Amino acid sequence: MKTICINRLRIVFACALSLLFPALGGAQQQMKNGYANIDWQFNIPINNGFAEKASGWGMNFEGGYYFTPNIGAGLFMAFHTNNEDIPTQTLNLSSSSRLTTDQQHSLFQLPFGAAFRYRFMPEKKFSPYVGLKLGAQYVKAISYYNVYSSSNEKWGFFMSPEIGANIYPMGPGLFGFHVALYYEYATNENRLLIYKIEGLNNLGFRVGLSF
């Protein structure tokens, strides 16, 4: 499982860097207009029915451009994995099939798409904003039991409002820090063993670097 997670992280990180490089280049040419964030994020599932334990195994990558001093748009990609240990129980898979085992549930979420922002006080060192992310989300649900595993992969629509702030200790438009609180909803529906996911809801926060 650790090898799978490491490989996923390498792939996602490489893709995210390719997404952010144009934004970083634009930001160097016009510091006040281009923006990019790289964040660590902490994710809290809300009654998702699978892998309900909060986790800090996630990151967010975002880059964009302010078309006016206040309004900006760009692209984002994030990923997160939540895990939960399930004690031994008997699963009634069908009328003639039962499975008694302990499990580890793993829920991998990878949303990506368009990001929109409205920022306040753009010329200040502390610049709060409200944002909205819209796009698609890939989800893989996995149950590990003994030396076996079962998995299911689905796509869904993704939406995430957030509030946050960019903090520039050396002045607006220069290197700084990023913080945000977010809510996520996705339409992914997964069926795995006896478990059923009908939409995904998450709360969380991000802390990272702003360029």
N, C-alpha and C. Protein backbone atom coordinates (compact mmCIF):
# COMPACT_ATOMS: atom_id res chain seq x y z
N MET A 1 0.83 -1.21 0.00
CA MET A 1 0.00 0.00 0.00
C MET A 1 0.86 1.26 0.00
N LYS A 2 2.01 1.24 0.77
CA LYS A 2 2.88 2.40 0.80
C LYS A 2 3.48 2.67 -0.57
N THR A 3 3.83 1.60 -1.30
CA THR A 3 4.38 1.77 -2.65
C THR A 3 3.37 2.42 -3.57
N ILE A 4 2.11 1.99 -3.49
CA ILE A 4 1.06 2.57 -4.32
C ILE A 4 0.91 4.05 -4.03
N CYS A 5 0.89 4.43 -2.75
CA CYS A 5 0.72 5.83 -2.37
C CYS A 5 1.90 6.68 -2.86
N ILE A 6 3.13 6.15 -2.74
CA ILE A 6 4.30 6.89 -3.18
C ILE A 6 4.27 7.10 -4.68
N ASN A 7 3.89 6.07 -5.44
CA ASN A 7 3.79 6.21 -6.90
C ASN A 7 2.74 7.23 -7.29
N ARG A 8 1.59 7.20 -6.59
CA ARG A 8 0.55 8.20 -6.87
C ARG A 8 1.08 9.60 -6.61
N LEU A 9 1.77 9.77 -5.50
CA LEU A 9 2.29 11.09 -5.14
C LEU A 9 3.25 11.60 -6.20
N ARG A 10 4.13 10.73 -6.72
CA ARG A 10 5.08 11.14 -7.75
C ARG A 10 4.36 11.59 -9.01
N ILE A 11 3.35 10.83 -9.43
CA ILE A 11 2.61 11.17 -10.65
C ILE A 11 1.86 12.48 -10.49
N VAL A 12 1.16 12.63 -9.36
CA VAL A 12 0.38 13.84 -9.12
C VAL A 12 1.28 15.05 -9.01
N PHE A 13 2.42 14.91 -8.32
CA PHE A 13 3.34 16.03 -8.15
C PHE A 13 3.92 16.48 -9.49
N ALA A 14 4.27 15.51 -10.35
CA ALA A 14 4.81 15.85 -11.66
C ALA A 14 3.78 16.58 -12.51
N CYS A 15 2.53 16.09 -12.48
CA CYS A 15 1.46 16.75 -13.24
C CYS A 15 1.20 18.15 -12.70
N ALA A 16 1.22 18.30 -11.38
CA ALA A 16 0.95 19.59 -10.77
C ALA A 16 2.03 20.61 -11.13
N LEU A 17 3.28 20.18 -11.16
CA LEU A 17 4.35 21.09 -11.53
C LEU A 17 4.20 21.58 -12.97
N SER A 18 3.80 20.68 -13.86
CA SER A 18 3.59 21.08 -15.25
C SER A 18 2.43 22.06 -15.37
N LEU A 19 1.44 21.92 -14.48
CA LEU A 19 0.30 22.84 -14.48
C LEU A 19 0.70 24.21 -13.94
N LEU A 20 1.60 24.23 -12.95
CA LEU A 20 1.93 25.48 -12.29
C LEU A 20 3.03 26.27 -12.98
N PHE A 21 3.88 25.63 -13.76
CA PHE A 21 5.00 26.35 -14.36
C PHE A 21 4.57 27.57 -15.18
N PRO A 22 3.49 27.45 -16.03
CA PRO A 22 3.08 28.64 -16.77
C PRO A 22 2.67 29.77 -15.86
N ALA A 23 1.95 29.42 -14.76
CA ALA A 23 1.51 30.46 -13.83
C ALA A 23 2.69 31.10 -13.13
N LEU A 24 3.70 30.29 -12.77
CA LEU A 24 4.87 30.82 -12.11
C LEU A 24 5.64 31.75 -13.04
N GLY A 25 5.73 31.35 -14.32
CA GLY A 25 6.42 32.20 -15.28
C GLY A 25 5.71 33.53 -15.45
N GLY A 26 4.38 33.49 -15.54
CA GLY A 26 3.61 34.72 -15.65
C GLY A 26 3.76 35.58 -14.42
N ALA A 27 3.82 34.93 -13.25
CA ALA A 27 3.94 35.67 -12.01
C ALA A 27 5.28 36.40 -11.94
N GLN A 28 6.34 35.80 -12.51
CA GLN A 28 7.63 36.46 -12.50
C GLN A 28 7.62 37.69 -13.40
N GLN A 29 6.87 37.65 -14.50
CA GLN A 29 6.82 38.77 -15.43
C GLN A 29 5.90 39.87 -14.90
N GLN A 30 4.78 39.49 -14.30
CA GLN A 30 3.83 40.46 -13.78
C GLN A 30 3.39 39.99 -12.39
N MET A 31 4.17 40.38 -11.41
CA MET A 31 3.99 39.87 -10.06
C MET A 31 2.60 40.14 -9.52
N LYS A 32 1.99 41.26 -9.87
CA LYS A 32 0.72 41.63 -9.28
C LYS A 32 -0.45 40.90 -9.93
N ASN A 33 -0.26 40.29 -11.08
CA ASN A 33 -1.36 39.65 -11.79
C ASN A 33 -1.35 38.13 -11.68
N GLY A 34 -0.22 37.49 -11.88
CA GLY A 34 -0.16 36.04 -11.79
C GLY A 34 -0.07 35.58 -10.34
N TYR A 35 -0.59 34.38 -10.07
CA TYR A 35 -0.47 33.81 -8.73
C TYR A 35 -0.34 32.30 -8.82
N ALA A 36 0.26 31.72 -7.79
CA ALA A 36 0.36 30.26 -7.69
C ALA A 36 0.49 29.88 -6.22
N ASN A 37 -0.15 28.78 -5.85
CA ASN A 37 -0.07 28.26 -4.48
C ASN A 37 0.30 26.79 -4.52
N ILE A 38 1.13 26.37 -3.56
CA ILE A 38 1.41 24.97 -3.30
C ILE A 38 1.11 24.73 -1.84
N ASP A 39 0.15 23.85 -1.54
CA ASP A 39 -0.34 23.69 -0.17
C ASP A 39 -0.31 22.25 0.31
N TRP A 40 -0.06 22.09 1.58
CA TRP A 40 -0.40 20.86 2.31
C TRP A 40 -1.83 21.03 2.81
N GLN A 41 -2.61 19.96 2.80
CA GLN A 41 -3.99 20.10 3.28
C GLN A 41 -4.38 18.97 4.22
N PHE A 42 -5.27 19.31 5.15
CA PHE A 42 -5.82 18.38 6.12
C PHE A 42 -7.29 18.20 5.80
N ASN A 43 -7.72 16.95 5.61
CA ASN A 43 -9.07 16.66 5.11
C ASN A 43 -9.90 15.89 6.13
N ILE A 44 -11.15 16.33 6.33
CA ILE A 44 -12.06 15.72 7.29
C ILE A 44 -13.31 15.23 6.55
N PRO A 45 -13.50 13.91 6.38
CA PRO A 45 -14.71 13.39 5.73
C PRO A 45 -15.96 13.66 6.57
N ILE A 46 -17.09 13.84 5.89
CA ILE A 46 -18.37 14.08 6.57
C ILE A 46 -19.37 13.02 6.11
N ASN A 47 -19.56 11.98 6.91
CA ASN A 47 -20.57 10.95 6.63
C ASN A 47 -20.47 10.41 5.21
N ASN A 48 -19.26 10.07 4.78
CA ASN A 48 -19.08 9.54 3.43
C ASN A 48 -19.36 8.04 3.34
N GLY A 49 -19.40 7.36 4.47
CA GLY A 49 -19.71 5.93 4.46
C GLY A 49 -18.53 5.03 4.17
N PHE A 50 -17.32 5.62 4.09
CA PHE A 50 -16.14 4.82 3.77
C PHE A 50 -14.90 5.64 4.11
N ALA A 51 -13.96 5.08 4.86
CA ALA A 51 -12.72 5.77 5.25
C ALA A 51 -13.04 7.12 5.88
N GLU A 52 -13.61 7.08 7.09
CA GLU A 52 -14.13 8.27 7.75
C GLU A 52 -13.10 9.00 8.61
N LYS A 53 -11.88 8.51 8.69
CA LYS A 53 -10.89 9.12 9.57
C LYS A 53 -10.22 10.31 8.91
N ALA A 54 -10.10 11.43 9.64
CA ALA A 54 -9.44 12.62 9.12
C ALA A 54 -7.97 12.33 8.82
N SER A 55 -7.42 13.06 7.86
CA SER A 55 -6.06 12.74 7.39
C SER A 55 -5.34 13.98 6.89
N GLY A 56 -4.03 13.99 7.07
CA GLY A 56 -3.19 15.05 6.53
C GLY A 56 -2.41 14.62 5.31
N TRP A 57 -2.82 13.51 4.67
CA TRP A 57 -2.11 12.98 3.51
C TRP A 57 -2.70 13.59 2.24
N GLY A 58 -2.37 14.87 1.98
CA GLY A 58 -2.90 15.51 0.80
C GLY A 58 -2.18 16.80 0.46
N MET A 59 -2.33 17.24 -0.80
CA MET A 59 -1.75 18.50 -1.25
C MET A 59 -2.68 19.16 -2.27
N ASN A 60 -2.46 20.47 -2.46
CA ASN A 60 -3.24 21.25 -3.41
C ASN A 60 -2.29 22.12 -4.22
N PHE A 61 -2.52 22.18 -5.54
CA PHE A 61 -1.71 22.97 -6.46
C PHE A 61 -2.64 23.87 -7.26
N GLU A 62 -2.32 25.16 -7.32
CA GLU A 62 -3.21 26.09 -8.02
C GLU A 62 -2.40 27.21 -8.63
N GLY A 63 -2.77 27.60 -9.85
CA GLY A 63 -2.14 28.72 -10.51
C GLY A 63 -3.15 29.48 -11.34
N GLY A 64 -3.01 30.80 -11.43
CA GLY A 64 -3.98 31.58 -12.18
C GLY A 64 -3.53 33.00 -12.43
N TYR A 65 -4.49 33.83 -12.83
CA TYR A 65 -4.21 35.20 -13.26
C TYR A 65 -5.37 36.10 -12.82
N TYR A 66 -5.01 37.28 -12.29
CA TYR A 66 -6.02 38.28 -11.92
C TYR A 66 -6.28 39.18 -13.12
N PHE A 67 -7.50 39.08 -13.66
CA PHE A 67 -7.87 39.88 -14.83
C PHE A 67 -8.22 41.31 -14.44
N THR A 68 -8.63 41.50 -13.22
CA THR A 68 -8.81 42.83 -12.62
C THR A 68 -8.08 42.78 -11.28
N PRO A 69 -7.94 43.90 -10.59
CA PRO A 69 -7.26 43.85 -9.29
C PRO A 69 -7.92 42.88 -8.30
N ASN A 70 -9.21 42.58 -8.50
CA ASN A 70 -9.92 41.75 -7.54
C ASN A 70 -10.31 40.37 -8.05
N ILE A 71 -10.55 40.22 -9.35
CA ILE A 71 -11.12 38.98 -9.90
C ILE A 71 -10.04 38.18 -10.62
N GLY A 72 -9.91 36.91 -10.23
CA GLY A 72 -8.92 36.04 -10.85
C GLY A 72 -9.49 34.68 -11.19
N ALA A 73 -8.82 33.98 -12.11
CA ALA A 73 -9.24 32.63 -12.51
C ALA A 73 -8.00 31.84 -12.90
N GLY A 74 -8.09 30.52 -12.75
CA GLY A 74 -6.96 29.68 -13.10
C GLY A 74 -7.32 28.21 -13.07
N LEU A 75 -6.33 27.38 -12.83
CA LEU A 75 -6.50 25.94 -12.80
C LEU A 75 -6.01 25.40 -11.46
N PHE A 76 -6.56 24.25 -11.06
CA PHE A 76 -6.12 23.64 -9.81
C PHE A 76 -6.09 22.12 -9.97
N MET A 77 -5.34 21.49 -9.11
CA MET A 77 -5.37 20.04 -8.96
C MET A 77 -4.98 19.71 -7.52
N ALA A 78 -5.68 18.77 -6.92
CA ALA A 78 -5.40 18.38 -5.54
C ALA A 78 -5.50 16.86 -5.43
N PHE A 79 -5.03 16.34 -4.33
CA PHE A 79 -5.23 14.92 -4.06
C PHE A 79 -5.29 14.71 -2.56
N HIS A 80 -5.98 13.66 -2.17
CA HIS A 80 -6.06 13.33 -0.76
C HIS A 80 -6.37 11.85 -0.58
N THR A 81 -5.80 11.26 0.47
CA THR A 81 -6.09 9.88 0.84
C THR A 81 -6.51 9.82 2.29
N ASN A 82 -7.68 9.25 2.55
CA ASN A 82 -8.15 8.99 3.92
C ASN A 82 -8.16 7.49 4.15
N ASN A 83 -7.69 7.09 5.32
CA ASN A 83 -7.63 5.67 5.68
C ASN A 83 -8.38 5.43 6.98
N GLU A 84 -8.91 4.21 7.12
CA GLU A 84 -9.59 3.84 8.36
C GLU A 84 -9.46 2.34 8.58
N ASP A 85 -9.07 1.96 9.80
CA ASP A 85 -8.99 0.55 10.17
C ASP A 85 -10.35 0.07 10.65
N ILE A 86 -10.81 -1.05 10.10
CA ILE A 86 -12.11 -1.62 10.44
C ILE A 86 -11.87 -2.92 11.22
N PRO A 87 -12.40 -3.06 12.43
CA PRO A 87 -12.19 -4.29 13.20
C PRO A 87 -12.87 -5.49 12.54
N THR A 88 -12.50 -6.67 12.99
CA THR A 88 -13.03 -7.91 12.41
C THR A 88 -14.55 -7.95 12.50
N GLN A 89 -15.17 -8.29 11.39
CA GLN A 89 -16.63 -8.42 11.32
C GLN A 89 -16.98 -9.37 10.18
N THR A 90 -18.22 -9.82 10.18
CA THR A 90 -18.70 -10.71 9.12
C THR A 90 -19.52 -9.90 8.13
N LEU A 91 -19.12 -9.95 6.88
CA LEU A 91 -19.80 -9.22 5.81
C LEU A 91 -20.69 -10.18 5.04
N ASN A 92 -21.96 -9.88 4.94
CA ASN A 92 -22.91 -10.69 4.17
C ASN A 92 -22.90 -10.18 2.73
N LEU A 93 -22.06 -10.79 1.91
CA LEU A 93 -21.90 -10.34 0.53
C LEU A 93 -23.08 -10.71 -0.35
N SER A 94 -23.70 -11.84 -0.06
CA SER A 94 -24.89 -12.28 -0.78
C SER A 94 -25.60 -13.30 0.11
N SER A 95 -26.67 -13.88 -0.39
CA SER A 95 -27.42 -14.87 0.40
C SER A 95 -26.62 -16.13 0.68
N SER A 96 -25.59 -16.39 -0.13
CA SER A 96 -24.80 -17.61 0.04
C SER A 96 -23.31 -17.34 0.24
N SER A 97 -22.94 -16.07 0.45
CA SER A 97 -21.53 -15.72 0.55
C SER A 97 -21.30 -14.78 1.72
N ARG A 98 -20.36 -15.16 2.60
CA ARG A 98 -20.01 -14.34 3.75
C ARG A 98 -18.49 -14.24 3.87
N LEU A 99 -18.04 -13.14 4.43
CA LEU A 99 -16.61 -12.91 4.60
C LEU A 99 -16.37 -12.36 6.00
N THR A 100 -15.54 -13.07 6.78
CA THR A 100 -15.18 -12.61 8.12
C THR A 100 -13.72 -12.17 8.11
N THR A 101 -13.48 -10.88 8.38
CA THR A 101 -12.12 -10.35 8.30
C THR A 101 -12.06 -8.97 8.91
N ASP A 102 -10.86 -8.51 9.24
CA ASP A 102 -10.65 -7.10 9.53
C ASP A 102 -10.25 -6.43 8.22
N GLN A 103 -10.31 -5.09 8.16
CA GLN A 103 -10.05 -4.38 6.91
C GLN A 103 -9.30 -3.08 7.17
N GLN A 104 -8.68 -2.59 6.13
CA GLN A 104 -8.25 -1.20 6.09
C GLN A 104 -8.88 -0.56 4.86
N HIS A 105 -9.69 0.47 5.11
CA HIS A 105 -10.33 1.21 4.02
C HIS A 105 -9.45 2.37 3.61
N SER A 106 -9.31 2.58 2.30
CA SER A 106 -8.54 3.69 1.76
C SER A 106 -9.36 4.38 0.68
N LEU A 107 -9.52 5.70 0.80
CA LEU A 107 -10.28 6.47 -0.18
C LEU A 107 -9.37 7.54 -0.76
N PHE A 108 -9.03 7.39 -2.05
CA PHE A 108 -8.15 8.32 -2.75
C PHE A 108 -9.00 9.24 -3.61
N GLN A 109 -8.86 10.56 -3.43
CA GLN A 109 -9.63 11.55 -4.18
C GLN A 109 -8.68 12.47 -4.94
N LEU A 110 -8.98 12.69 -6.21
CA LEU A 110 -8.15 13.54 -7.05
C LEU A 110 -9.04 14.47 -7.87
N PRO A 111 -9.33 15.67 -7.34
CA PRO A 111 -10.12 16.65 -8.11
C PRO A 111 -9.21 17.58 -8.91
N PHE A 112 -9.72 18.08 -10.03
CA PHE A 112 -8.99 19.05 -10.83
C PHE A 112 -9.99 19.82 -11.68
N GLY A 113 -9.59 21.04 -12.10
CA GLY A 113 -10.49 21.84 -12.93
C GLY A 113 -10.16 23.32 -12.86
N ALA A 114 -11.21 24.15 -12.87
CA ALA A 114 -11.06 25.61 -12.90
C ALA A 114 -11.24 26.19 -11.50
N ALA A 115 -10.49 27.25 -11.23
CA ALA A 115 -10.56 27.93 -9.93
C ALA A 115 -10.85 29.41 -10.16
N PHE A 116 -11.75 29.95 -9.34
CA PHE A 116 -12.13 31.37 -9.45
C PHE A 116 -11.95 32.03 -8.08
N ARG A 117 -11.52 33.30 -8.11
CA ARG A 117 -11.26 34.03 -6.87
C ARG A 117 -11.77 35.46 -6.94
N TYR A 118 -12.19 35.94 -5.78
CA TYR A 118 -12.40 37.38 -5.59
C TYR A 118 -11.59 37.77 -4.37
N ARG A 119 -10.57 38.60 -4.57
CA ARG A 119 -9.71 38.97 -3.45
C ARG A 119 -10.02 40.38 -2.97
N PHE A 120 -9.82 40.58 -1.69
CA PHE A 120 -9.99 41.88 -1.06
C PHE A 120 -8.61 42.47 -0.78
N MET A 121 -8.52 43.77 -0.75
CA MET A 121 -7.27 44.47 -0.43
C MET A 121 -6.08 43.92 -1.22
N PRO A 122 -6.12 43.97 -2.55
CA PRO A 122 -5.06 43.37 -3.37
C PRO A 122 -3.69 44.00 -3.20
N GLU A 123 -3.62 45.23 -2.74
CA GLU A 123 -2.33 45.91 -2.60
C GLU A 123 -1.78 45.82 -1.19
N LYS A 124 -2.36 44.96 -0.34
CA LYS A 124 -1.92 44.86 1.05
C LYS A 124 -1.10 43.59 1.27
N LYS A 125 -0.34 43.59 2.36
CA LYS A 125 0.44 42.40 2.70
C LYS A 125 -0.46 41.24 3.11
N PHE A 126 -1.61 41.56 3.69
CA PHE A 126 -2.61 40.54 4.03
C PHE A 126 -3.79 40.71 3.09
N SER A 127 -4.00 39.73 2.20
CA SER A 127 -5.02 39.85 1.16
C SER A 127 -5.98 38.66 1.22
N PRO A 128 -7.11 38.80 1.93
CA PRO A 128 -8.09 37.71 2.00
C PRO A 128 -8.87 37.58 0.70
N TYR A 129 -9.49 36.42 0.50
CA TYR A 129 -10.27 36.19 -0.71
C TYR A 129 -11.34 35.14 -0.45
N VAL A 130 -12.32 35.09 -1.36
CA VAL A 130 -13.28 33.98 -1.41
C VAL A 130 -13.10 33.32 -2.77
N GLY A 131 -13.23 31.99 -2.80
CA GLY A 131 -12.99 31.28 -4.05
C GLY A 131 -13.96 30.15 -4.29
N LEU A 132 -13.96 29.67 -5.51
CA LEU A 132 -14.80 28.54 -5.90
C LEU A 132 -14.04 27.69 -6.90
N LYS A 133 -13.98 26.39 -6.65
CA LYS A 133 -13.36 25.44 -7.56
C LYS A 133 -14.44 24.55 -8.17
N LEU A 134 -14.37 24.35 -9.49
CA LEU A 134 -15.32 23.51 -10.21
C LEU A 134 -14.54 22.59 -11.14
N GLY A 135 -14.98 21.33 -11.24
CA GLY A 135 -14.30 20.42 -12.15
C GLY A 135 -14.74 18.99 -12.00
N ALA A 136 -13.84 18.08 -12.25
CA ALA A 136 -14.11 16.64 -12.16
C ALA A 136 -13.29 16.06 -11.00
N GLN A 137 -13.76 14.91 -10.50
CA GLN A 137 -13.02 14.22 -9.45
C GLN A 137 -12.96 12.73 -9.73
N TYR A 138 -11.72 12.21 -9.68
CA TYR A 138 -11.49 10.77 -9.75
C TYR A 138 -11.39 10.23 -8.33
N VAL A 139 -12.07 9.12 -8.06
CA VAL A 139 -12.06 8.52 -6.73
C VAL A 139 -11.79 7.03 -6.86
N LYS A 140 -10.90 6.52 -6.01
CA LYS A 140 -10.67 5.09 -5.92
C LYS A 140 -10.86 4.65 -4.48
N ALA A 141 -11.82 3.76 -4.26
CA ALA A 141 -12.07 3.19 -2.94
C ALA A 141 -11.47 1.78 -2.90
N ILE A 142 -10.70 1.51 -1.86
CA ILE A 142 -10.02 0.21 -1.73
C ILE A 142 -10.25 -0.34 -0.33
N SER A 143 -10.57 -1.63 -0.26
CA SER A 143 -10.62 -2.34 1.01
C SER A 143 -9.54 -3.41 1.01
N TYR A 144 -8.60 -3.31 1.95
CA TYR A 144 -7.54 -4.31 2.11
C TYR A 144 -7.95 -5.27 3.22
N TYR A 145 -7.92 -6.58 2.94
CA TYR A 145 -8.22 -7.57 3.97
C TYR A 145 -7.33 -8.78 3.76
N ASN A 146 -6.61 -9.14 4.85
CA ASN A 146 -5.64 -10.22 4.79
C ASN A 146 -4.65 -9.91 3.67
N VAL A 147 -4.42 -10.82 2.73
CA VAL A 147 -3.51 -10.56 1.61
C VAL A 147 -4.28 -10.15 0.36
N TYR A 148 -5.56 -9.87 0.49
CA TYR A 148 -6.41 -9.55 -0.66
C TYR A 148 -6.88 -8.09 -0.56
N SER A 149 -7.48 -7.63 -1.65
CA SER A 149 -8.07 -6.30 -1.66
C SER A 149 -9.18 -6.25 -2.72
N SER A 150 -10.14 -5.37 -2.49
CA SER A 150 -11.19 -5.08 -3.46
C SER A 150 -11.20 -3.58 -3.69
N SER A 151 -11.46 -3.16 -4.93
CA SER A 151 -11.41 -1.73 -5.24
C SER A 151 -12.49 -1.35 -6.25
N ASN A 152 -12.77 -0.05 -6.30
CA ASN A 152 -13.76 0.48 -7.23
C ASN A 152 -13.33 1.90 -7.60
N GLU A 153 -13.39 2.24 -8.89
CA GLU A 153 -12.98 3.55 -9.37
C GLU A 153 -14.16 4.25 -10.04
N LYS A 154 -14.34 5.53 -9.74
CA LYS A 154 -15.45 6.30 -10.31
C LYS A 154 -15.02 7.74 -10.56
N TRP A 155 -15.75 8.38 -11.50
CA TRP A 155 -15.60 9.80 -11.77
C TRP A 155 -16.86 10.53 -11.35
N GLY A 156 -16.71 11.81 -10.98
CA GLY A 156 -17.86 12.61 -10.60
C GLY A 156 -17.60 14.09 -10.80
N PHE A 157 -18.65 14.88 -10.63
CA PHE A 157 -18.55 16.35 -10.68
C PHE A 157 -18.09 16.86 -9.32
N PHE A 158 -17.23 17.87 -9.33
CA PHE A 158 -16.62 18.38 -8.11
C PHE A 158 -16.90 19.87 -7.95
N MET A 159 -17.21 20.29 -6.70
CA MET A 159 -17.42 21.70 -6.39
C MET A 159 -16.85 21.99 -5.00
N SER A 160 -16.15 23.12 -4.85
CA SER A 160 -15.52 23.42 -3.56
C SER A 160 -15.42 24.93 -3.35
N PRO A 161 -16.28 25.51 -2.49
CA PRO A 161 -16.08 26.90 -2.07
C PRO A 161 -15.01 26.96 -0.99
N GLU A 162 -14.30 28.09 -0.92
CA GLU A 162 -13.29 28.24 0.11
C GLU A 162 -13.10 29.71 0.46
N ILE A 163 -12.58 29.94 1.65
CA ILE A 163 -12.15 31.28 2.06
C ILE A 163 -10.69 31.16 2.46
N GLY A 164 -9.91 32.17 2.12
CA GLY A 164 -8.49 32.07 2.42
C GLY A 164 -7.83 33.43 2.39
N ALA A 165 -6.51 33.41 2.50
CA ALA A 165 -5.75 34.65 2.47
C ALA A 165 -4.33 34.36 2.01
N ASN A 166 -3.79 35.31 1.26
CA ASN A 166 -2.37 35.31 0.93
C ASN A 166 -1.68 36.35 1.82
N ILE A 167 -0.56 35.94 2.39
CA ILE A 167 0.16 36.80 3.31
C ILE A 167 1.56 37.04 2.75
N TYR A 168 1.89 38.31 2.50
CA TYR A 168 3.17 38.66 1.89
C TYR A 168 4.00 39.50 2.86
N PRO A 169 4.85 38.89 3.64
CA PRO A 169 5.64 39.66 4.62
C PRO A 169 6.54 40.72 3.98
N MET A 170 7.01 40.46 2.74
CA MET A 170 7.92 41.39 2.08
C MET A 170 7.21 42.33 1.11
N GLY A 171 5.88 42.26 1.08
CA GLY A 171 5.13 43.15 0.22
C GLY A 171 4.27 42.40 -0.77
N PRO A 172 3.16 42.99 -1.25
CA PRO A 172 2.23 42.31 -2.16
C PRO A 172 2.91 41.93 -3.47
N GLY A 173 2.57 40.72 -3.96
CA GLY A 173 3.10 40.24 -5.22
C GLY A 173 4.40 39.50 -5.11
N LEU A 174 5.01 39.47 -3.91
CA LEU A 174 6.26 38.75 -3.72
C LEU A 174 5.99 37.41 -3.05
N PHE A 175 7.05 36.68 -2.76
CA PHE A 175 6.91 35.38 -2.10
C PHE A 175 6.20 35.54 -0.76
N GLY A 176 5.26 34.61 -0.47
CA GLY A 176 4.52 34.70 0.77
C GLY A 176 3.94 33.36 1.19
N PHE A 177 2.86 33.44 1.97
CA PHE A 177 2.22 32.26 2.52
C PHE A 177 0.73 32.25 2.19
N HIS A 178 0.16 31.05 2.20
CA HIS A 178 -1.25 30.89 1.84
C HIS A 178 -1.94 30.04 2.88
N VAL A 179 -3.13 30.45 3.32
CA VAL A 179 -3.96 29.67 4.24
C VAL A 179 -5.39 29.68 3.69
N ALA A 180 -6.14 28.59 3.90
CA ALA A 180 -7.50 28.52 3.39
C ALA A 180 -8.31 27.48 4.17
N LEU A 181 -9.60 27.73 4.27
CA LEU A 181 -10.58 26.76 4.76
C LEU A 181 -11.48 26.38 3.59
N TYR A 182 -11.82 25.10 3.46
CA TYR A 182 -12.61 24.70 2.30
C TYR A 182 -13.69 23.67 2.68
N TYR A 183 -14.70 23.64 1.82
CA TYR A 183 -15.71 22.57 1.84
C TYR A 183 -15.74 21.97 0.45
N GLU A 184 -15.85 20.64 0.37
CA GLU A 184 -15.89 19.95 -0.92
C GLU A 184 -17.12 19.07 -1.03
N TYR A 185 -17.72 19.09 -2.22
CA TYR A 185 -18.78 18.13 -2.53
C TYR A 185 -18.51 17.55 -3.91
N ALA A 186 -18.65 16.22 -4.03
CA ALA A 186 -18.49 15.55 -5.32
C ALA A 186 -19.59 14.52 -5.49
N THR A 187 -19.98 14.26 -6.72
CA THR A 187 -21.11 13.37 -7.01
C THR A 187 -20.71 11.91 -7.16
N ASN A 188 -19.47 11.57 -6.86
CA ASN A 188 -19.00 10.19 -7.02
C ASN A 188 -19.87 9.20 -6.25
N GLU A 189 -20.23 8.10 -6.91
CA GLU A 189 -20.98 7.01 -6.28
C GLU A 189 -20.20 5.71 -6.46
N ASN A 190 -19.81 5.11 -5.34
CA ASN A 190 -19.01 3.88 -5.36
C ASN A 190 -19.72 2.76 -4.61
N ARG A 191 -19.60 1.55 -5.13
CA ARG A 191 -20.09 0.35 -4.45
C ARG A 191 -18.91 -0.58 -4.25
N LEU A 192 -18.72 -1.02 -3.01
CA LEU A 192 -17.58 -1.89 -2.71
C LEU A 192 -17.96 -2.81 -1.56
N LEU A 193 -17.93 -4.14 -1.82
CA LEU A 193 -18.36 -5.13 -0.83
C LEU A 193 -19.77 -4.77 -0.36
N ILE A 194 -19.96 -4.50 0.93
CA ILE A 194 -21.30 -4.12 1.42
C ILE A 194 -21.43 -2.61 1.58
N TYR A 195 -20.41 -1.86 1.16
CA TYR A 195 -20.38 -0.42 1.42
C TYR A 195 -20.86 0.35 0.19
N LYS A 196 -21.49 1.50 0.47
CA LYS A 196 -22.08 2.31 -0.59
C LYS A 196 -21.74 3.78 -0.35
N ILE A 197 -21.12 4.41 -1.34
CA ILE A 197 -20.82 5.84 -1.29
C ILE A 197 -21.75 6.55 -2.26
N GLU A 198 -22.52 7.48 -1.75
CA GLU A 198 -23.44 8.26 -2.58
C GLU A 198 -23.13 9.74 -2.41
N GLY A 199 -22.12 10.20 -3.11
CA GLY A 199 -21.66 11.57 -2.95
C GLY A 199 -20.63 11.65 -1.84
N LEU A 200 -19.70 12.59 -1.99
CA LEU A 200 -18.62 12.77 -1.02
C LEU A 200 -18.62 14.20 -0.49
N ASN A 201 -18.52 14.33 0.82
CA ASN A 201 -18.46 15.63 1.48
C ASN A 201 -17.22 15.69 2.37
N ASN A 202 -16.49 16.79 2.27
CA ASN A 202 -15.28 16.96 3.07
C ASN A 202 -15.14 18.40 3.54
N LEU A 203 -14.57 18.57 4.72
CA LEU A 203 -14.13 19.87 5.22
C LEU A 203 -12.62 19.79 5.42
N GLY A 204 -11.96 20.95 5.39
CA GLY A 204 -10.53 20.90 5.64
C GLY A 204 -9.90 22.27 5.60
N PHE A 205 -8.59 22.27 5.78
CA PHE A 205 -7.83 23.51 5.69
C PHE A 205 -6.52 23.26 4.96
N ARG A 206 -5.97 24.35 4.39
CA ARG A 206 -4.72 24.28 3.64
C ARG A 206 -3.74 25.30 4.19
N VAL A 207 -2.48 24.93 4.20
CA VAL A 207 -1.39 25.82 4.58
C VAL A 207 -0.26 25.61 3.58
N GLY A 208 0.24 26.71 3.01
CA GLY A 208 1.27 26.51 2.01
C GLY A 208 2.00 27.79 1.64
N LEU A 209 2.60 27.77 0.45
CA LEU A 209 3.39 28.87 -0.07
C LEU A 209 2.65 29.57 -1.20
N SER A 210 2.83 30.86 -1.29
CA SER A 210 2.19 31.67 -2.33
C SER A 210 3.27 32.38 -3.13
N PHE A 211 3.09 32.35 -4.47
CA PHE A 211 4.08 32.96 -5.36
C PHE A 211 3.44 34.07 -6.19
